Amino acid sequence: MSDIGSVQNQLVEFNLFYQPQNDNDIYHITCRKITQDHLQGTGNSIFLDDNYDYEFFIENLDDSTTMFHVTCKLLPNSLILNILNKEIYGFDFDITELRRRNSLTLHQKLNLERNLRQILPSYFSTSNP
């Protein structure tokens, strides 16, 4: 099996939109399951997508050989309005706004991570093949 095929077998990804408690902002969350075998190999190229504003790792409590890489992208209200106007009414908007990096405050980062650490484990079990 090729390295890419091997990585695909070791990697499960799911996405969700999330608004943490005590935060008015909405985030796009991507969670990638990574096995210990992959971390020790040369497959770090799967993390080439750096279109996020914050990241952290969560260990799988049920399987010490598995971790989850969590990336978070802030979706400003203006972007959400633009996306809704595009999808519902067909209005165009500057697509580069999707790639813009946003600076999260320390409070936003800590609050987001704390909330996600509480809810994501329930998604892990439903995302396993």
Protein backbone atom coordinates (compact mmCIF):
# COMPACT_ATOMS: atom_id res chain seq x y z
CA MET A 1 0.00 0.00 0.00
CA SER A 2 1.33 3.47 -0.81
CA ASP A 3 2.23 5.96 1.92
CA ILE A 4 -0.80 8.07 0.99
CA GLY A 5 -3.13 5.07 1.23
CA SER A 6 -1.59 4.18 4.57
CA VAL A 7 -2.11 7.71 5.87
CA GLN A 8 -5.73 7.70 4.70
CA ASN A 9 -6.34 4.49 6.65
CA GLN A 10 -4.84 6.09 9.75
CA LEU A 11 -6.65 9.40 9.47
CA VAL A 12 -10.29 10.17 10.05
CA GLU A 13 -11.51 13.73 9.79
CA PHE A 14 -14.74 15.42 10.71
CA ASN A 15 -15.88 19.03 10.72
CA LEU A 16 -18.47 21.03 12.58
CA PHE A 17 -19.50 24.60 13.26
CA TYR A 18 -19.37 25.49 16.93
CA GLN A 19 -20.20 28.36 19.24
CA PRO A 20 -18.65 27.92 22.70
CA GLN A 21 -20.31 29.01 25.90
CA ASN A 22 -19.44 32.59 26.88
CA ASP A 23 -18.46 33.48 23.31
CA ASN A 24 -20.55 35.25 20.66
CA ASP A 25 -18.35 34.01 17.82
CA ILE A 26 -18.82 30.94 15.63
CA TYR A 27 -15.90 28.71 14.64
CA HIS A 28 -15.31 26.09 11.99
CA ILE A 29 -13.74 23.10 13.74
CA THR A 30 -11.77 20.35 12.01
CA CYS A 31 -10.74 17.29 13.99
CA ARG A 32 -8.30 14.77 12.53
CA LYS A 33 -7.65 11.38 14.10
CA ILE A 34 -3.96 10.51 14.01
CA THR A 35 -2.41 7.22 15.09
CA GLN A 36 0.91 7.01 16.92
CA ASP A 37 2.37 5.09 13.97
CA HIS A 38 1.69 8.07 11.74
CA LEU A 39 3.22 10.54 14.21
CA GLN A 40 6.45 8.54 14.29
CA GLY A 41 6.58 8.30 10.48
CA THR A 42 7.25 10.90 7.84
CA GLY A 43 3.63 11.68 7.06
CA ASN A 44 3.57 15.15 8.57
CA SER A 45 2.76 16.53 5.11
CA ILE A 46 -0.93 15.96 5.80
CA PHE A 47 -0.85 19.11 7.92
CA LEU A 48 -0.11 21.40 4.99
CA ASP A 49 -3.48 23.11 5.39
CA ASP A 50 -2.77 26.01 7.72
CA ASN A 51 -6.06 27.83 7.22
CA TYR A 52 -6.92 28.03 10.90
CA ASP A 53 -6.54 30.49 13.75
CA TYR A 54 -5.88 28.08 16.61
CA GLU A 55 -4.91 24.43 17.04
CA PHE A 56 -4.38 21.89 19.80
CA PHE A 57 -4.16 18.13 20.31
CA ILE A 58 -6.37 15.82 22.35
CA GLU A 59 -5.30 12.35 23.45
CA ASN A 60 -7.77 9.52 23.02
CA LEU A 61 -8.46 8.20 26.52
CA ASP A 62 -9.62 4.84 25.12
CA ASP A 63 -6.55 4.30 22.92
CA SER A 64 -3.15 5.67 23.90
CA THR A 65 -1.86 5.20 20.33
CA THR A 66 -4.36 7.72 18.93
CA MET A 67 -4.49 11.50 19.13
CA PHE A 68 -6.75 14.12 17.60
CA HIS A 69 -5.48 17.28 15.93
CA VAL A 70 -8.09 20.01 16.38
CA THR A 71 -8.00 23.19 14.28
CA CYS A 72 -10.29 26.16 14.79
CA LYS A 73 -11.14 28.90 12.30
CA LEU A 74 -13.00 31.99 13.53
CA LEU A 75 -15.92 32.91 11.27
CA PRO A 76 -16.52 36.65 11.75
CA ASN A 77 -20.15 37.79 11.58
CA SER A 78 -19.42 39.69 8.37
CA LEU A 79 -18.20 36.48 6.73
CA ILE A 80 -21.25 34.53 7.89
CA LEU A 81 -23.51 37.23 6.41
CA ASN A 82 -21.59 37.13 3.13
CA ILE A 83 -21.84 33.33 2.93
CA LEU A 84 -25.58 33.41 3.67
CA ASN A 85 -26.14 36.13 1.05
CA LYS A 86 -24.14 34.08 -1.47
CA GLU A 87 -25.93 30.80 -0.75
CA ILE A 88 -29.47 32.19 -0.44
CA TYR A 89 -29.48 35.21 -2.76
CA GLY A 90 -26.54 34.55 -5.08
CA PHE A 91 -24.56 37.66 -4.09
CA ASP A 92 -20.84 37.41 -4.74
CA PHE A 93 -18.24 38.29 -2.12
CA ASP A 94 -14.46 38.42 -1.88
CA ILE A 95 -13.48 34.78 -1.40
CA THR A 96 -10.12 35.82 0.11
CA GLU A 97 -12.07 36.72 3.24
CA LEU A 98 -12.34 32.97 3.87
CA ARG A 99 -8.53 32.68 4.03
CA ARG A 100 -7.96 35.70 6.26
CA ARG A 101 -6.31 34.92 9.57
CA ASN A 102 -7.95 36.21 12.71
CA SER A 103 -6.14 36.85 15.97
CA LEU A 104 -7.86 35.13 18.86
CA THR A 105 -7.48 36.49 22.36
CA LEU A 106 -6.06 34.25 25.06
CA HIS A 107 -9.54 34.10 26.60
CA GLN A 108 -11.06 32.96 23.28
CA LYS A 109 -8.41 30.26 22.88
CA LEU A 110 -8.76 28.92 26.42
CA ASN A 111 -12.56 29.03 26.36
CA LEU A 112 -12.71 27.35 22.95
CA GLU A 113 -10.27 24.61 23.89
CA ARG A 114 -11.94 23.94 27.25
CA ASN A 115 -15.38 23.65 25.65
CA LEU A 116 -14.17 21.48 22.78
CA ARG A 117 -12.31 19.13 25.13
CA GLN A 118 -15.67 18.53 26.83
CA ILE A 119 -17.77 17.89 23.73
CA LEU A 120 -15.42 16.37 21.13
CA PRO A 121 -14.96 12.95 22.78
CA SER A 122 -18.63 12.20 22.04
CA TYR A 123 -17.93 12.89 18.34
CA PHE A 124 -14.84 10.65 18.31
CA SER A 125 -16.85 7.51 18.94
CA THR A 126 -19.35 8.36 16.20
CA SER A 127 -16.61 9.24 13.68
CA ASN A 128 -14.73 5.95 13.93
CA PRO A 129 -15.12 3.74 10.86
